[in-house]
Amino acid sequence: MKTKQLANVLIKILGLSVIVQGVPIILSGLLSMLQFGGVGSGGAYNYFLHLLPTLIMVAIGIYLLVKSRDVATFLFKDEDE
């Protein structure tokens, strides 16, 4: 297996693990917003601020999963295949 191929697979695994770790946190935060703050009240805003870092990490995980080949090419652009 070549370096870029291995990097592509490992980047996909990293993205998938970030997504899998973030989904339960997001679901827990959404349930807390519904239970304690209500969707339309100002209390939901505080819960959303706690979810924001996890939402950003899941977005990064999705990007890594979808664009893993481009990231591997960027990281190993000097190596020949």
N, C-alpha and C. Protein backbone atom coordinates (compact mmCIF):
# COMPACT_ATOMS: atom_id res chain seq x y z
N MET A 1 0.84 -1.17 0.00
CA MET A 1 0.00 0.00 0.00
C MET A 1 0.89 1.24 0.00
N LYS A 2 0.58 2.17 -0.86
CA LYS A 2 1.39 3.38 -0.97
C LYS A 2 1.03 4.37 0.12
N THR A 3 1.90 5.35 0.30
CA THR A 3 1.74 6.32 1.38
C THR A 3 0.44 7.10 1.26
N LYS A 4 0.13 7.56 0.05
CA LYS A 4 -1.10 8.34 -0.13
C LYS A 4 -2.34 7.49 0.10
N GLN A 5 -2.31 6.24 -0.30
CA GLN A 5 -3.45 5.36 -0.07
C GLN A 5 -3.66 5.11 1.41
N LEU A 6 -2.57 4.86 2.13
CA LEU A 6 -2.66 4.64 3.57
C LEU A 6 -3.16 5.90 4.27
N ALA A 7 -2.64 7.06 3.87
CA ALA A 7 -3.08 8.32 4.46
C ALA A 7 -4.56 8.54 4.18
N ASN A 8 -5.02 8.21 2.98
CA ASN A 8 -6.42 8.36 2.62
C ASN A 8 -7.31 7.52 3.54
N VAL A 9 -6.93 6.28 3.77
CA VAL A 9 -7.70 5.39 4.63
C VAL A 9 -7.69 5.89 6.07
N LEU A 10 -6.53 6.30 6.56
CA LEU A 10 -6.42 6.78 7.95
C LEU A 10 -7.19 8.08 8.16
N ILE A 11 -7.20 8.96 7.17
CA ILE A 11 -7.96 10.21 7.28
C ILE A 11 -9.46 9.91 7.30
N LYS A 12 -9.89 8.94 6.50
CA LYS A 12 -11.30 8.54 6.52
C LYS A 12 -11.68 7.97 7.89
N ILE A 13 -10.81 7.16 8.46
CA ILE A 13 -11.07 6.59 9.79
C ILE A 13 -11.13 7.69 10.84
N LEU A 14 -10.22 8.66 10.74
CA LEU A 14 -10.23 9.79 11.68
C LEU A 14 -11.53 10.58 11.57
N GLY A 15 -11.95 10.89 10.36
CA GLY A 15 -13.20 11.62 10.16
C GLY A 15 -14.39 10.86 10.70
N LEU A 16 -14.43 9.56 10.44
CA LEU A 16 -15.54 8.74 10.91
C LEU A 16 -15.57 8.68 12.44
N SER A 17 -14.41 8.58 13.08
CA SER A 17 -14.39 8.52 14.54
C SER A 17 -14.83 9.84 15.16
N VAL A 18 -14.47 10.96 14.54
CA VAL A 18 -14.91 12.27 15.04
C VAL A 18 -16.42 12.38 14.94
N ILE A 19 -16.99 11.91 13.84
CA ILE A 19 -18.44 11.96 13.66
C ILE A 19 -19.14 11.07 14.69
N VAL A 20 -18.63 9.86 14.87
CA VAL A 20 -19.25 8.92 15.80
C VAL A 20 -19.17 9.43 17.24
N GLN A 21 -18.11 10.11 17.60
CA GLN A 21 -18.00 10.66 18.94
C GLN A 21 -18.88 11.89 19.13
N GLY A 22 -19.13 12.64 18.07
CA GLY A 22 -19.89 13.87 18.19
C GLY A 22 -21.39 13.69 18.18
N VAL A 23 -21.89 12.66 17.51
CA VAL A 23 -23.33 12.48 17.37
C VAL A 23 -24.03 12.31 18.73
N PRO A 24 -23.54 11.48 19.65
CA PRO A 24 -24.23 11.37 20.95
C PRO A 24 -24.24 12.69 21.73
N ILE A 25 -23.18 13.46 21.62
CA ILE A 25 -23.13 14.75 22.33
C ILE A 25 -24.18 15.70 21.76
N ILE A 26 -24.31 15.72 20.43
CA ILE A 26 -25.30 16.58 19.80
C ILE A 26 -26.71 16.15 20.17
N LEU A 27 -26.98 14.85 20.13
CA LEU A 27 -28.31 14.36 20.50
C LEU A 27 -28.63 14.66 21.96
N SER A 28 -27.66 14.50 22.83
CA SER A 28 -27.87 14.80 24.24
C SER A 28 -28.15 16.29 24.45
N GLY A 29 -27.42 17.13 23.75
CA GLY A 29 -27.65 18.57 23.86
C GLY A 29 -29.00 18.98 23.33
N LEU A 30 -29.43 18.38 22.22
CA LEU A 30 -30.75 18.70 21.67
C LEU A 30 -31.86 18.25 22.61
N LEU A 31 -31.70 17.09 23.20
CA LEU A 31 -32.70 16.63 24.16
C LEU A 31 -32.73 17.51 25.40
N SER A 32 -31.58 18.00 25.83
CA SER A 32 -31.54 18.91 26.97
C SER A 32 -32.21 20.23 26.63
N MET A 33 -32.02 20.71 25.39
CA MET A 33 -32.67 21.94 24.97
C MET A 33 -34.19 21.76 25.00
N LEU A 34 -34.67 20.64 24.52
CA LEU A 34 -36.10 20.40 24.50
C LEU A 34 -36.67 20.22 25.91
N GLN A 35 -35.92 19.54 26.76
CA GLN A 35 -36.43 19.23 28.08
C GLN A 35 -36.41 20.44 29.01
N PHE A 36 -35.31 21.17 29.05
CA PHE A 36 -35.16 22.22 30.05
C PHE A 36 -35.42 23.62 29.52
N GLY A 37 -35.02 23.88 28.29
CA GLY A 37 -35.11 25.25 27.83
C GLY A 37 -36.26 25.52 26.89
N GLY A 38 -36.70 24.51 26.22
CA GLY A 38 -37.70 24.73 25.19
C GLY A 38 -37.05 25.30 23.95
N VAL A 39 -37.60 25.02 22.83
CA VAL A 39 -36.99 25.43 21.57
C VAL A 39 -37.11 26.93 21.37
N GLY A 40 -38.23 27.53 21.75
CA GLY A 40 -38.46 28.94 21.48
C GLY A 40 -37.99 29.87 22.58
N SER A 41 -37.55 29.38 23.71
CA SER A 41 -37.18 30.26 24.82
C SER A 41 -35.71 30.64 24.76
N GLY A 42 -35.33 31.59 25.56
CA GLY A 42 -33.95 32.05 25.59
C GLY A 42 -33.00 31.05 26.21
N GLY A 43 -33.52 30.08 26.97
CA GLY A 43 -32.67 29.07 27.58
C GLY A 43 -32.03 28.14 26.57
N ALA A 44 -32.67 28.00 25.43
CA ALA A 44 -32.13 27.13 24.39
C ALA A 44 -30.84 27.70 23.81
N TYR A 45 -30.70 29.01 23.85
CA TYR A 45 -29.50 29.66 23.32
C TYR A 45 -28.26 29.22 24.09
N ASN A 46 -28.36 29.07 25.40
CA ASN A 46 -27.22 28.63 26.21
C ASN A 46 -26.81 27.21 25.86
N TYR A 47 -27.80 26.35 25.62
CA TYR A 47 -27.48 24.98 25.25
C TYR A 47 -26.84 24.93 23.87
N PHE A 48 -27.30 25.81 22.97
CA PHE A 48 -26.72 25.85 21.62
C PHE A 48 -25.25 26.24 21.68
N LEU A 49 -24.89 27.17 22.57
CA LEU A 49 -23.49 27.57 22.70
C LEU A 49 -22.62 26.41 23.18
N HIS A 50 -23.18 25.53 23.98
CA HIS A 50 -22.43 24.35 24.42
C HIS A 50 -22.31 23.32 23.29
N LEU A 51 -23.25 23.33 22.36
CA LEU A 51 -23.21 22.39 21.25
C LEU A 51 -22.33 22.87 20.10
N LEU A 52 -22.06 24.15 20.04
CA LEU A 52 -21.35 24.72 18.90
C LEU A 52 -19.98 24.07 18.64
N PRO A 53 -19.12 23.88 19.65
CA PRO A 53 -17.84 23.22 19.36
C PRO A 53 -18.00 21.80 18.81
N THR A 54 -18.99 21.07 19.32
CA THR A 54 -19.21 19.72 18.82
C THR A 54 -19.73 19.75 17.39
N LEU A 55 -20.59 20.71 17.07
CA LEU A 55 -21.07 20.84 15.70
C LEU A 55 -19.92 21.16 14.74
N ILE A 56 -19.00 21.99 15.18
CA ILE A 56 -17.83 22.32 14.35
C ILE A 56 -16.96 21.09 14.15
N MET A 57 -16.75 20.31 15.21
CA MET A 57 -15.94 19.10 15.09
C MET A 57 -16.59 18.07 14.16
N VAL A 58 -17.90 17.93 14.22
CA VAL A 58 -18.60 17.00 13.34
C VAL A 58 -18.50 17.48 11.89
N ALA A 59 -18.58 18.78 11.68
CA ALA A 59 -18.42 19.33 10.33
C ALA A 59 -17.02 19.04 9.80
N ILE A 60 -16.01 19.17 10.65
CA ILE A 60 -14.64 18.85 10.25
C ILE A 60 -14.52 17.35 9.95
N GLY A 61 -15.16 16.51 10.75
CA GLY A 61 -15.15 15.07 10.51
C GLY A 61 -15.80 14.71 9.19
N ILE A 62 -16.91 15.37 8.86
CA ILE A 62 -17.57 15.13 7.57
C ILE A 62 -16.66 15.57 6.43
N TYR A 63 -16.01 16.71 6.60
CA TYR A 63 -15.09 17.19 5.57
C TYR A 63 -13.95 16.19 5.36
N LEU A 64 -13.37 15.69 6.46
CA LEU A 64 -12.29 14.71 6.34
C LEU A 64 -12.76 13.43 5.67
N LEU A 65 -13.97 13.02 5.98
CA LEU A 65 -14.50 11.79 5.38
C LEU A 65 -14.73 11.96 3.88
N VAL A 66 -15.24 13.11 3.48
CA VAL A 66 -15.57 13.33 2.07
C VAL A 66 -14.33 13.69 1.25
N LYS A 67 -13.47 14.51 1.79
CA LYS A 67 -12.33 15.04 1.05
C LYS A 67 -11.00 14.41 1.48
N SER A 68 -11.01 13.17 1.93
CA SER A 68 -9.79 12.55 2.43
C SER A 68 -8.72 12.42 1.36
N ARG A 69 -9.12 12.16 0.13
CA ARG A 69 -8.14 12.03 -0.95
C ARG A 69 -7.44 13.37 -1.20
N ASP A 70 -8.20 14.47 -1.18
CA ASP A 70 -7.61 15.79 -1.38
C ASP A 70 -6.67 16.16 -0.23
N VAL A 71 -7.06 15.81 0.99
CA VAL A 71 -6.21 16.10 2.15
C VAL A 71 -4.92 15.28 2.07
N ALA A 72 -5.02 14.01 1.70
CA ALA A 72 -3.82 13.17 1.57
C ALA A 72 -2.92 13.68 0.46
N THR A 73 -3.51 14.13 -0.64
CA THR A 73 -2.71 14.69 -1.72
C THR A 73 -2.01 15.97 -1.28
N PHE A 74 -2.71 16.80 -0.50
CA PHE A 74 -2.11 18.02 0.01
C PHE A 74 -0.95 17.72 0.96
N LEU A 75 -1.13 16.72 1.82
CA LEU A 75 -0.10 16.38 2.80
C LEU A 75 1.11 15.74 2.15
N PHE A 76 0.90 14.95 1.10
CA PHE A 76 1.98 14.22 0.46
C PHE A 76 2.13 14.65 -1.01
N LYS A 77 2.10 15.94 -1.27
CA LYS A 77 2.14 16.42 -2.65
C LYS A 77 3.50 16.24 -3.30
N ASP A 78 4.55 16.11 -2.52
CA ASP A 78 5.90 15.96 -3.10
C ASP A 78 6.24 14.52 -3.43
N GLU A 79 5.48 13.56 -2.93
CA GLU A 79 5.78 12.16 -3.18
C GLU A 79 5.17 11.69 -4.48
N ASP A 80 5.89 10.85 -5.19
CA ASP A 80 5.37 10.28 -6.42
C ASP A 80 4.60 9.02 -6.11
N GLU A 81 3.66 8.71 -6.98
CA GLU A 81 2.88 7.48 -6.79
C GLU A 81 3.51 6.40 -7.52
